[in-house]
């Protein structure tokens, strides 16, 4: 058994014991993960990839009717972008062993983090991130919510299901991209209260070094910042997401596209707002060299 595998195993055991001590009795496991457990042991980097595979949606919930197609299907004969297509992820080689090991070490550090005592004492999970550590595209939100805190995965509630639909509409899957938050712990709530609160600036500043390391290891071609709080935490700008969305920014040398948080689209079902987010995604697709069909270009446009 390799040292990398032992590190991952120790981190997983520590994480599960922590959940058990806080009263968690059940965790959601993706079907592909259950199937993978029945297979013979794989190299350490493959085990890391299995660890970070995302859960497409919260169990027992139905997808929102959002208008975003479940998958992007090319129209026969339709013109495409002249940009070269991204190589399909299933055929792409796995992460280099040293990269996988560095990511495993970073994950282990985050799982054991207690820099914010109030968040560490109230959390059920450390929501480190999910997806492909060789991704060309990365999505960053503000912080885990109740569903994410319970399951230990980012964007698994209603907003997460919508984000999955948006990603799929581009022709990618959640397994092709990487999804993370500025905060790895859910912001604590007063006893007896429900909902989620906005992360405090000092909490974001304390936690964001983990995100810096994730970005430095993944080296995505582009980052999508989801919502005003994510933009504030990443760029330090508080001018409002309405003014910033759709305008390319730069974060640590990487092109960054601010756009609305999926939860905003759940509250505002107007086609015009959905089209704004989709226009932002079209710009992202062009930036990273993805092909775009006429059908994709015309999503949410009146006939």
C-alpha atoms as a PDB file:
ATOM      1  CA  UNK A   1       0.000   0.000   0.000  1.00  0.00           C
ATOM      2  CA  UNK A   2       1.529   3.314  -1.094  1.00  0.00           C
ATOM      3  CA  UNK A   3       2.065   6.322   1.184  1.00  0.00           C
ATOM      4  CA  UNK A   4      -0.376   8.351  -0.942  1.00  0.00           C
ATOM      5  CA  UNK A   5      -3.052   5.712  -0.471  1.00  0.00           C
ATOM      6  CA  UNK A   6      -2.416   5.573   3.278  1.00  0.00           C
ATOM      7  CA  UNK A   7      -2.753   9.368   3.492  1.00  0.00           C
ATOM      8  CA  UNK A   8      -6.086   9.254   1.705  1.00  0.00           C
ATOM      9  CA  UNK A   9      -7.297   6.342   3.832  1.00  0.00           C
ATOM     10  CA  UNK A  10      -6.292   8.071   7.074  1.00  0.00           C
ATOM     11  CA  UNK A  11      -7.992  11.296   5.945  1.00  0.00           C
ATOM     12  CA  UNK A  12     -11.165   9.420   5.005  1.00  0.00           C
ATOM     13  CA  UNK A  13     -11.280   7.547   8.320  1.00  0.00           C
ATOM     14  CA  UNK A  14     -10.668  10.764  10.274  1.00  0.00           C
ATOM     15  CA  UNK A  15     -13.423  12.520   8.332  1.00  0.00           C
ATOM     16  CA  UNK A  16     -15.934   9.682   8.898  1.00  0.00           C
ATOM     17  CA  UNK A  17     -15.106   9.461  12.600  1.00  0.00           C
ATOM     18  CA  UNK A  18     -15.622  13.206  12.892  1.00  0.00           C
ATOM     19  CA  UNK A  19     -19.027  12.926  11.231  1.00  0.00           C
ATOM     20  CA  UNK A  20     -20.011  10.063  13.533  1.00  0.00           C
ATOM     21  CA  UNK A  21     -18.968  12.016  16.625  1.00  0.00           C
ATOM     22  CA  UNK A  22     -21.244  14.882  15.538  1.00  0.00           C
ATOM     23  CA  UNK A  23     -24.257  12.610  15.167  1.00  0.00           C
ATOM     24  CA  UNK A  24     -24.198  11.960  11.413  1.00  0.00           C
ATOM     25  CA  UNK A  25     -25.400   8.417  10.729  1.00  0.00           C
ATOM     26  CA  UNK A  26     -25.830   8.410   6.963  1.00  0.00           C
ATOM     27  CA  UNK A  27     -23.862   9.893   4.077  1.00  0.00           C
ATOM     28  CA  UNK A  28     -24.737  10.024   0.386  1.00  0.00           C
ATOM     29  CA  UNK A  29     -22.554   7.919  -1.908  1.00  0.00           C
ATOM     30  CA  UNK A  30     -22.655   8.221  -5.671  1.00  0.00           C
ATOM     31  CA  UNK A  31     -23.607   5.004  -7.538  1.00  0.00           C
ATOM     32  CA  UNK A  32     -20.319   5.034  -9.463  1.00  0.00           C
ATOM     33  CA  UNK A  33     -18.424   5.132  -6.164  1.00  0.00           C
ATOM     34  CA  UNK A  34     -20.288   2.041  -4.907  1.00  0.00           C
ATOM     35  CA  UNK A  35     -19.450   0.244  -8.137  1.00  0.00           C
ATOM     36  CA  UNK A  36     -15.818   1.286  -7.823  1.00  0.00           C
ATOM     37  CA  UNK A  37     -15.608  -0.186  -4.317  1.00  0.00           C
ATOM     38  CA  UNK A  38     -16.341  -3.628  -5.772  1.00  0.00           C
ATOM     39  CA  UNK A  39     -13.379  -3.394  -8.159  1.00  0.00           C
ATOM     40  CA  UNK A  40      -9.779  -4.456  -7.393  1.00  0.00           C
ATOM     41  CA  UNK A  41      -7.549  -1.794  -5.777  1.00  0.00           C
ATOM     42  CA  UNK A  42      -6.290   0.866  -8.174  1.00  0.00           C
ATOM     43  CA  UNK A  43      -3.236   3.168  -8.158  1.00  0.00           C
ATOM     44  CA  UNK A  44      -3.227   6.058  -5.695  1.00  0.00           C
ATOM     45  CA  UNK A  45      -4.035   8.716  -8.282  1.00  0.00           C
ATOM     46  CA  UNK A  46      -7.061   6.747  -9.482  1.00  0.00           C
ATOM     47  CA  UNK A  47      -8.270   6.449  -5.903  1.00  0.00           C
ATOM     48  CA  UNK A  48      -7.986  10.221  -5.520  1.00  0.00           C
ATOM     49  CA  UNK A  49     -10.062  10.744  -8.664  1.00  0.00           C
ATOM     50  CA  UNK A  50     -12.739   8.402  -7.265  1.00  0.00           C
ATOM     51  CA  UNK A  51     -12.688  10.307  -3.963  1.00  0.00           C
ATOM     52  CA  UNK A  52     -13.438  13.629  -5.636  1.00  0.00           C
ATOM     53  CA  UNK A  53     -16.170  12.441  -8.022  1.00  0.00           C
ATOM     54  CA  UNK A  54     -19.218  14.663  -7.470  1.00  0.00           C
ATOM     55  CA  UNK A  55     -22.741  13.692  -6.543  1.00  0.00           C
ATOM     56  CA  UNK A  56     -25.050  14.955  -9.287  1.00  0.00           C
ATOM     57  CA  UNK A  57     -27.973  15.769  -7.039  1.00  0.00           C
ATOM     58  CA  UNK A  58     -29.346  15.321  -3.550  1.00  0.00           C
ATOM     59  CA  UNK A  59     -31.153  11.957  -3.133  1.00  0.00           C
ATOM     60  CA  UNK A  60     -34.910  12.059  -3.096  1.00  0.00           C
ATOM     61  CA  UNK A  61     -35.162  15.396  -4.876  1.00  0.00           C
ATOM     62  CA  UNK A  62     -36.416  16.252  -8.344  1.00  0.00           C
ATOM     63  CA  UNK A  63     -34.510  18.480 -10.759  1.00  0.00           C
ATOM     64  CA  UNK A  64     -35.743  22.037 -11.050  1.00  0.00           C
ATOM     65  CA  UNK A  65     -37.516  23.052 -14.242  1.00  0.00           C
ATOM     66  CA  UNK A  66     -34.949  25.567 -15.341  1.00  0.00           C
ATOM     67  CA  UNK A  67     -35.026  25.517 -19.127  1.00  0.00           C
ATOM     68  CA  UNK A  68     -31.373  24.455 -19.310  1.00  0.00           C
ATOM     69  CA  UNK A  69     -31.181  21.246 -21.379  1.00  0.00           C
ATOM     70  CA  UNK A  70     -30.114  18.065 -19.658  1.00  0.00           C
ATOM     71  CA  UNK A  71     -27.313  17.599 -22.176  1.00  0.00           C
ATOM     72  CA  UNK A  72     -25.924  19.506 -25.096  1.00  0.00           C
ATOM     73  CA  UNK A  73     -26.721  17.628 -28.308  1.00  0.00           C
ATOM     74  CA  UNK A  74     -25.027  18.904 -31.462  1.00  0.00           C
ATOM     75  CA  UNK A  75     -27.316  19.702 -34.353  1.00  0.00           C
ATOM     76  CA  UNK A  76     -26.344  17.687 -37.470  1.00  0.00           C
ATOM     77  CA  UNK A  77     -24.798  20.005 -40.018  1.00  0.00           C
ATOM     78  CA  UNK A  78     -24.869  23.003 -37.686  1.00  0.00           C
ATOM     79  CA  UNK A  79     -21.818  25.288 -37.894  1.00  0.00           C
ATOM     80  CA  UNK A  80     -19.427  25.100 -35.028  1.00  0.00           C
ATOM     81  CA  UNK A  81     -16.837  27.364 -33.508  1.00  0.00           C
ATOM     82  CA  UNK A  82     -13.492  27.254 -35.253  1.00  0.00           C
ATOM     83  CA  UNK A  83     -11.862  26.729 -31.862  1.00  0.00           C
ATOM     84  CA  UNK A  84     -10.438  23.237 -31.294  1.00  0.00           C
ATOM     85  CA  UNK A  85     -12.563  20.860 -29.223  1.00  0.00           C
ATOM     86  CA  UNK A  86     -11.464  19.862 -25.731  1.00  0.00           C
ATOM     87  CA  UNK A  87     -10.226  16.282 -25.608  1.00  0.00           C
ATOM     88  CA  UNK A  88     -12.895  14.033 -24.020  1.00  0.00           C
ATOM     89  CA  UNK A  89     -12.109  13.574 -20.346  1.00  0.00           C
ATOM     90  CA  UNK A  90     -12.685   9.769 -20.210  1.00  0.00           C
ATOM     91  CA  UNK A  91      -9.738   9.277 -22.621  1.00  0.00           C
ATOM     92  CA  UNK A  92      -7.510  11.828 -20.879  1.00  0.00           C
ATOM     93  CA  UNK A  93      -4.700  10.468 -18.684  1.00  0.00           C
ATOM     94  CA  UNK A  94      -5.118  10.618 -14.945  1.00  0.00           C
ATOM     95  CA  UNK A  95      -3.383  13.219 -12.791  1.00  0.00           C
ATOM     96  CA  UNK A  96       0.337  12.839 -12.282  1.00  0.00           C
ATOM     97  CA  UNK A  97       1.189  10.913  -9.087  1.00  0.00           C
ATOM     98  CA  UNK A  98       2.917  13.921  -7.530  1.00  0.00           C
ATOM     99  CA  UNK A  99      -0.077  16.142  -8.276  1.00  0.00           C
ATOM    100  CA  UNK A 100      -2.491  13.584  -6.848  1.00  0.00           C
ATOM    101  CA  UNK A 101      -0.345  13.273  -3.742  1.00  0.00           C
ATOM    102  CA  UNK A 102      -0.187  17.059  -3.289  1.00  0.00           C
ATOM    103  CA  UNK A 103      -3.945  17.299  -3.635  1.00  0.00           C
ATOM    104  CA  UNK A 104      -4.441  14.482  -1.128  1.00  0.00           C
ATOM    105  CA  UNK A 105      -2.175  16.243   1.372  1.00  0.00           C
ATOM    106  CA  UNK A 106      -4.029  19.524   0.896  1.00  0.00           C
ATOM    107  CA  UNK A 107      -7.360  17.757   1.378  1.00  0.00           C
ATOM    108  CA  UNK A 108      -6.111  16.133   4.581  1.00  0.00           C
ATOM    109  CA  UNK A 109      -5.023  19.508   5.949  1.00  0.00           C
ATOM    110  CA  UNK A 110      -8.400  21.048   5.142  1.00  0.00           C
ATOM    111  CA  UNK A 111     -10.312  18.184   6.759  1.00  0.00           C
ATOM    112  CA  UNK A 112      -8.417  18.743  10.009  1.00  0.00           C
ATOM    113  CA  UNK A 113      -8.634  22.552   9.941  1.00  0.00           C
ATOM    114  CA  UNK A 114      -9.869  24.336  13.084  1.00  0.00           C
ATOM    115  CA  UNK A 115      -8.692  27.880  12.264  1.00  0.00           C
ATOM    116  CA  UNK A 116     -12.273  29.160  12.717  1.00  0.00           C
ATOM    117  CA  UNK A 117     -13.327  27.588  16.042  1.00  0.00           C
ATOM    118  CA  UNK A 118     -16.984  28.567  15.645  1.00  0.00           C
ATOM    119  CA  UNK A 119     -17.215  26.934  12.210  1.00  0.00           C
ATOM    120  CA  UNK A 120     -15.218  23.864  13.231  1.00  0.00           C
ATOM    121  CA  UNK A 121     -17.470  23.244  16.230  1.00  0.00           C
ATOM    122  CA  UNK A 122     -20.733  23.604  14.286  1.00  0.00           C
ATOM    123  CA  UNK A 123     -19.891  21.842  11.009  1.00  0.00           C
ATOM    124  CA  UNK A 124     -20.844  18.303  10.106  1.00  0.00           C
ATOM    125  CA  UNK A 125     -18.407  18.146   7.204  1.00  0.00           C
ATOM    126  CA  UNK A 126     -15.484  19.958   5.668  1.00  0.00           C
ATOM    127  CA  UNK A 127     -16.598  20.477   2.067  1.00  0.00           C
ATOM    128  CA  UNK A 128     -13.245  20.451   0.334  1.00  0.00           C
ATOM    129  CA  UNK A 129     -14.336  20.345  -3.316  1.00  0.00           C
ATOM    130  CA  UNK A 130     -15.257  17.880  -6.053  1.00  0.00           C
ATOM    131  CA  UNK A 131     -14.362  17.096  -9.634  1.00  0.00           C
ATOM    132  CA  UNK A 132     -11.396  16.640 -11.932  1.00  0.00           C
ATOM    133  CA  UNK A 133      -8.098  17.948 -10.594  1.00  0.00           C
ATOM    134  CA  UNK A 134      -6.908  18.298 -14.197  1.00  0.00           C
ATOM    135  CA  UNK A 135      -9.991  20.377 -15.129  1.00  0.00           C
ATOM    136  CA  UNK A 136      -9.753  23.221 -17.615  1.00  0.00           C
ATOM    137  CA  UNK A 137     -12.783  24.899 -16.007  1.00  0.00           C
ATOM    138  CA  UNK A 138     -13.363  25.627 -12.310  1.00  0.00           C
ATOM    139  CA  UNK A 139     -16.479  26.925 -10.543  1.00  0.00           C
ATOM    140  CA  UNK A 140     -16.210  28.767  -7.217  1.00  0.00           C
ATOM    141  CA  UNK A 141     -19.111  29.507  -4.884  1.00  0.00           C
ATOM    142  CA  UNK A 142     -19.203  31.203  -1.513  1.00  0.00           C
ATOM    143  CA  UNK A 143     -19.727  28.486   1.115  1.00  0.00           C
ATOM    144  CA  UNK A 144     -21.472  25.178   1.769  1.00  0.00           C
ATOM    145  CA  UNK A 145     -25.154  25.212   2.703  1.00  0.00           C
ATOM    146  CA  UNK A 146     -27.038  22.753   4.883  1.00  0.00           C
ATOM    147  CA  UNK A 147     -27.216  20.034   2.190  1.00  0.00           C
ATOM    148  CA  UNK A 148     -23.538  20.369   1.388  1.00  0.00           C
ATOM    149  CA  UNK A 149     -22.565  20.338   5.063  1.00  0.00           C
ATOM    150  CA  UNK A 150     -24.522  17.111   5.537  1.00  0.00           C
ATOM    151  CA  UNK A 151     -23.201  15.318   2.459  1.00  0.00           C
ATOM    152  CA  UNK A 152     -19.672  16.718   2.337  1.00  0.00           C
ATOM    153  CA  UNK A 153     -20.008  17.697  -1.342  1.00  0.00           C
ATOM    154  CA  UNK A 154     -20.302  21.173  -2.898  1.00  0.00           C
ATOM    155  CA  UNK A 155     -23.453  22.219  -4.740  1.00  0.00           C
ATOM    156  CA  UNK A 156     -25.699  19.199  -4.124  1.00  0.00           C
ATOM    157  CA  UNK A 157     -28.937  21.013  -3.185  1.00  0.00           C
ATOM    158  CA  UNK A 158     -31.405  22.668  -5.535  1.00  0.00           C
ATOM    159  CA  UNK A 159     -28.865  25.263  -6.666  1.00  0.00           C
ATOM    160  CA  UNK A 160     -26.348  22.477  -7.221  1.00  0.00           C
ATOM    161  CA  UNK A 161     -28.762  20.568  -9.422  1.00  0.00           C
ATOM    162  CA  UNK A 162     -29.219  23.681 -11.527  1.00  0.00           C
ATOM    163  CA  UNK A 163     -25.452  24.181 -11.739  1.00  0.00           C
ATOM    164  CA  UNK A 164     -25.178  20.603 -12.975  1.00  0.00           C
ATOM    165  CA  UNK A 165     -27.743  21.365 -15.695  1.00  0.00           C
ATOM    166  CA  UNK A 166     -25.773  24.442 -16.769  1.00  0.00           C
ATOM    167  CA  UNK A 167     -22.519  22.476 -16.916  1.00  0.00           C
ATOM    168  CA  UNK A 168     -24.167  19.676 -18.882  1.00  0.00           C
ATOM    169  CA  UNK A 169     -25.651  22.165 -21.351  1.00  0.00           C
ATOM    170  CA  UNK A 170     -22.116  23.178 -22.320  1.00  0.00           C
ATOM    171  CA  UNK A 171     -21.329  19.587 -23.280  1.00  0.00           C
ATOM    172  CA  UNK A 172     -19.295  18.878 -20.139  1.00  0.00           C
ATOM    173  CA  UNK A 173     -20.184  16.937 -17.007  1.00  0.00           C
ATOM    174  CA  UNK A 174     -19.527  17.593 -13.331  1.00  0.00           C
ATOM    175  CA  UNK A 175     -16.719  15.073 -13.580  1.00  0.00           C
ATOM    176  CA  UNK A 176     -14.997  17.207 -16.233  1.00  0.00           C
ATOM    177  CA  UNK A 177     -14.855  20.390 -14.127  1.00  0.00           C
ATOM    178  CA  UNK A 178     -13.825  21.211 -10.565  1.00  0.00           C
ATOM    179  CA  UNK A 179     -16.253  22.787  -8.085  1.00  0.00           C
ATOM    180  CA  UNK A 180     -15.213  24.447  -4.829  1.00  0.00           C
ATOM    181  CA  UNK A 181     -16.171  27.202  -2.408  1.00  0.00           C
ATOM    182  CA  UNK A 182     -14.233  29.990  -0.753  1.00  0.00           C
ATOM    183  CA  UNK A 183     -15.249  28.625   2.663  1.00  0.00           C
ATOM    184  CA  UNK A 184     -14.813  24.906   3.261  1.00  0.00           C
ATOM    185  CA  UNK A 185     -17.179  24.945   6.255  1.00  0.00           C
ATOM    186  CA  UNK A 186     -20.793  26.031   6.453  1.00  0.00           C
ATOM    187  CA  UNK A 187     -21.133  29.408   8.213  1.00  0.00           C
ATOM    188  CA  UNK A 188     -22.575  28.713  11.650  1.00  0.00           C
ATOM    189  CA  UNK A 189     -26.140  29.756  12.393  1.00  0.00           C
ATOM    190  CA  UNK A 190     -27.733  30.859  15.690  1.00  0.00           C
ATOM    191  CA  UNK A 191     -29.398  28.020  17.574  1.00  0.00           C
ATOM    192  CA  UNK A 192     -32.895  27.347  16.310  1.00  0.00           C
ATOM    193  CA  UNK A 193     -32.489  29.358  13.116  1.00  0.00           C
ATOM    194  CA  UNK A 194     -32.643  28.007   9.573  1.00  0.00           C
ATOM    195  CA  UNK A 195     -31.206  29.015   6.228  1.00  0.00           C
ATOM    196  CA  UNK A 196     -27.676  30.115   5.431  1.00  0.00           C
ATOM    197  CA  UNK A 197     -25.755  33.249   6.258  1.00  0.00           C
ATOM    198  CA  UNK A 198     -23.186  35.139   4.207  1.00  0.00           C
ATOM    199  CA  UNK A 199     -19.568  34.384   5.123  1.00  0.00           C
ATOM    200  CA  UNK A 200     -17.803  37.118   7.042  1.00  0.00           C
ATOM    201  CA  UNK A 201     -14.801  38.817   5.377  1.00  0.00           C
ATOM    202  CA  UNK A 202     -12.451  37.524   8.065  1.00  0.00           C
ATOM    203  CA  UNK A 203     -13.746  33.970   7.559  1.00  0.00           C
ATOM    204  CA  UNK A 204     -13.102  34.200   3.821  1.00  0.00           C
ATOM    205  CA  UNK A 205      -9.607  35.569   4.359  1.00  0.00           C
ATOM    206  CA  UNK A 206      -8.806  32.756   6.789  1.00  0.00           C
ATOM    207  CA  UNK A 207     -10.041  29.983   4.502  1.00  0.00           C
ATOM    208  CA  UNK A 208      -9.101  31.228   1.033  1.00  0.00           C
ATOM    209  CA  UNK A 209      -5.483  29.953   1.151  1.00  0.00           C
ATOM    210  CA  UNK A 210      -6.902  26.449   0.645  1.00  0.00           C
ATOM    211  CA  UNK A 211      -8.632  27.664  -2.516  1.00  0.00           C
ATOM    212  CA  UNK A 212      -5.410  29.334  -3.659  1.00  0.00           C
ATOM    213  CA  UNK A 213      -3.616  26.007  -3.408  1.00  0.00           C
ATOM    214  CA  UNK A 214      -6.440  24.213  -5.226  1.00  0.00           C
ATOM    215  CA  UNK A 215      -6.249  26.694  -8.097  1.00  0.00           C
ATOM    216  CA  UNK A 216      -2.446  26.514  -8.212  1.00  0.00           C
ATOM    217  CA  UNK A 217      -2.572  22.698  -8.415  1.00  0.00           C
ATOM    218  CA  UNK A 218      -5.450  22.451 -10.900  1.00  0.00           C
ATOM    219  CA  UNK A 219      -4.282  25.343 -13.109  1.00  0.00           C
ATOM    220  CA  UNK A 220      -7.637  25.779 -14.887  1.00  0.00           C
ATOM    221  CA  UNK A 221      -7.917  27.753 -18.105  1.00  0.00           C
ATOM    222  CA  UNK A 222     -10.842  29.707 -16.658  1.00  0.00           C
ATOM    223  CA  UNK A 223     -12.731  30.214 -13.385  1.00  0.00           C
ATOM    224  CA  UNK A 224     -16.445  30.983 -13.029  1.00  0.00           C
ATOM    225  CA  UNK A 225     -17.298  32.939  -9.861  1.00  0.00           C
ATOM    226  CA  UNK A 226     -20.857  32.176  -8.794  1.00  0.00           C
ATOM    227  CA  UNK A 227     -22.555  35.139  -7.164  1.00  0.00           C
ATOM    228  CA  UNK A 228     -21.652  38.405  -5.488  1.00  0.00           C
ATOM    229  CA  UNK A 229     -20.096  36.887  -2.363  1.00  0.00           C
ATOM    230  CA  UNK A 230     -17.770  34.666  -4.376  1.00  0.00           C
ATOM    231  CA  UNK A 231     -16.709  37.687  -6.435  1.00  0.00           C
ATOM    232  CA  UNK A 232     -16.141  39.695  -3.262  1.00  0.00           C
ATOM    233  CA  UNK A 233     -14.052  36.948  -1.708  1.00  0.00           C
ATOM    234  CA  UNK A 234     -11.976  36.389  -4.846  1.00  0.00           C
ATOM    235  CA  UNK A 235     -11.570  39.920  -6.166  1.00  0.00           C
ATOM    236  CA  UNK A 236     -12.355  42.085  -3.147  1.00  0.00           C
ATOM    237  CA  UNK A 237     -14.952  43.947  -5.235  1.00  0.00           C
ATOM    238  CA  UNK A 238     -18.313  44.860  -3.725  1.00  0.00           C
ATOM    239  CA  UNK A 239     -19.783  46.833  -6.638  1.00  0.00           C
ATOM    240  CA  UNK A 240     -22.439  44.167  -7.204  1.00  0.00           C
ATOM    241  CA  UNK A 241     -22.722  41.107  -9.391  1.00  0.00           C
ATOM    242  CA  UNK A 242     -25.184  42.825 -11.750  1.00  0.00           C
ATOM    243  CA  UNK A 243     -22.496  45.291 -12.836  1.00  0.00           C
ATOM    244  CA  UNK A 244     -19.653  42.759 -12.954  1.00  0.00           C
ATOM    245  CA  UNK A 245     -21.256  39.707 -14.544  1.00  0.00           C
ATOM    246  CA  UNK A 246     -20.270  39.024 -18.095  1.00  0.00           C
ATOM    247  CA  UNK A 247     -17.035  41.027 -17.816  1.00  0.00           C
ATOM    248  CA  UNK A 248     -13.784  39.114 -17.768  1.00  0.00           C
ATOM    249  CA  UNK A 249     -11.604  39.622 -14.716  1.00  0.00           C
ATOM    250  CA  UNK A 250      -8.248  38.093 -13.767  1.00  0.00           C
ATOM    251  CA  UNK A 251      -7.584  36.113 -10.604  1.00  0.00           C
ATOM    252  CA  UNK A 252      -4.053  34.908  -9.807  1.00  0.00           C
ATOM    253  CA  UNK A 253      -3.264  35.029 -13.520  1.00  0.00           C
ATOM    254  CA  UNK A 254      -6.360  33.048 -14.540  1.00  0.00           C
ATOM    255  CA  UNK A 255      -9.304  34.505 -16.538  1.00  0.00           C
ATOM    256  CA  UNK A 256     -12.338  34.778 -14.257  1.00  0.00           C
ATOM    257  CA  UNK A 257     -15.958  35.196 -15.324  1.00  0.00           C
ATOM    258  CA  UNK A 258     -18.388  36.553 -12.691  1.00  0.00           C
ATOM    259  CA  UNK A 259     -21.976  35.380 -13.134  1.00  0.00           C
ATOM    260  CA  UNK A 260     -25.165  34.981 -11.117  1.00  0.00           C
ATOM    261  CA  UNK A 261     -25.357  32.261  -8.481  1.00  0.00           C
ATOM    262  CA  UNK A 262     -27.699  29.390  -9.488  1.00  0.00           C
ATOM    263  CA  UNK A 263     -29.868  30.175  -6.453  1.00  0.00           C
ATOM    264  CA  UNK A 264     -30.653  33.542  -8.046  1.00  0.00           C
ATOM    265  CA  UNK A 265     -32.076  31.766 -11.092  1.00  0.00           C
ATOM    266  CA  UNK A 266     -34.203  29.617  -8.811  1.00  0.00           C
ATOM    267  CA  UNK A 267     -35.712  32.775  -7.340  1.00  0.00           C
ATOM    268  CA  UNK A 268     -35.974  34.609 -10.662  1.00  0.00           C
ATOM    269  CA  UNK A 269     -37.275  32.364 -13.424  1.00  0.00           C
ATOM    270  CA  UNK A 270     -37.262  35.054 -16.122  1.00  0.00           C
ATOM    271  CA  UNK A 271     -35.860  33.832 -19.423  1.00  0.00           C
ATOM    272  CA  UNK A 272     -33.876  37.056 -19.719  1.00  0.00           C
ATOM    273  CA  UNK A 273     -31.928  36.236 -16.527  1.00  0.00           C
ATOM    274  CA  UNK A 274     -31.271  32.663 -17.629  1.00  0.00           C
ATOM    275  CA  UNK A 275     -30.010  34.011 -20.942  1.00  0.00           C
ATOM    276  CA  UNK A 276     -27.541  36.305 -19.139  1.00  0.00           C
ATOM    277  CA  UNK A 277     -25.982  33.364 -17.330  1.00  0.00           C
ATOM    278  CA  UNK A 278     -25.906  31.366 -20.541  1.00  0.00           C
ATOM    279  CA  UNK A 279     -24.190  34.230 -22.389  1.00  0.00           C
ATOM    280  CA  UNK A 280     -21.547  34.189 -19.664  1.00  0.00           C
ATOM    281  CA  UNK A 281     -21.100  30.446 -20.187  1.00  0.00           C
ATOM    282  CA  UNK A 282     -20.823  30.885 -23.953  1.00  0.00           C
ATOM    283  CA  UNK A 283     -17.996  33.350 -23.337  1.00  0.00           C
ATOM    284  CA  UNK A 284     -16.327  30.823 -21.043  1.00  0.00           C
ATOM    285  CA  UNK A 285     -16.686  28.065 -23.635  1.00  0.00           C
ATOM    286  CA  UNK A 286     -15.043  30.266 -26.250  1.00  0.00           C
ATOM    287  CA  UNK A 287     -12.262  31.229 -23.837  1.00  0.00           C
ATOM    288  CA  UNK A 288     -11.243  27.611 -23.169  1.00  0.00           C
ATOM    289  CA  UNK A 289     -11.651  26.529 -26.802  1.00  0.00           C
ATOM    290  CA  UNK A 290     -14.876  24.510 -26.686  1.00  0.00           C
ATOM    291  CA  UNK A 291     -17.018  24.050 -29.822  1.00  0.00           C
ATOM    292  CA  UNK A 292     -20.384  25.819 -29.753  1.00  0.00           C
ATOM    293  CA  UNK A 293     -23.350  24.726 -31.877  1.00  0.00           C
ATOM    294  CA  UNK A 294     -26.031  27.018 -33.218  1.00  0.00           C
ATOM    295  CA  UNK A 295     -28.488  25.274 -30.910  1.00  0.00           C
ATOM    296  CA  UNK A 296     -26.349  26.231 -27.929  1.00  0.00           C
ATOM    297  CA  UNK A 297     -25.968  29.809 -29.151  1.00  0.00           C
ATOM    298  CA  UNK A 298     -29.751  30.133 -29.392  1.00  0.00           C
ATOM    299  CA  UNK A 299     -30.692  28.832 -25.940  1.00  0.00           C
ATOM    300  CA  UNK A 300     -33.313  31.130 -24.341  1.00  0.00           C
ATOM    301  CA  UNK A 301     -33.681  33.280 -27.457  1.00  0.00           C
ATOM    302  CA  UNK A 302     -37.186  33.887 -28.737  1.00  0.00           C
ATOM    303  CA  UNK A 303     -37.967  32.172 -32.045  1.00  0.00           C
END
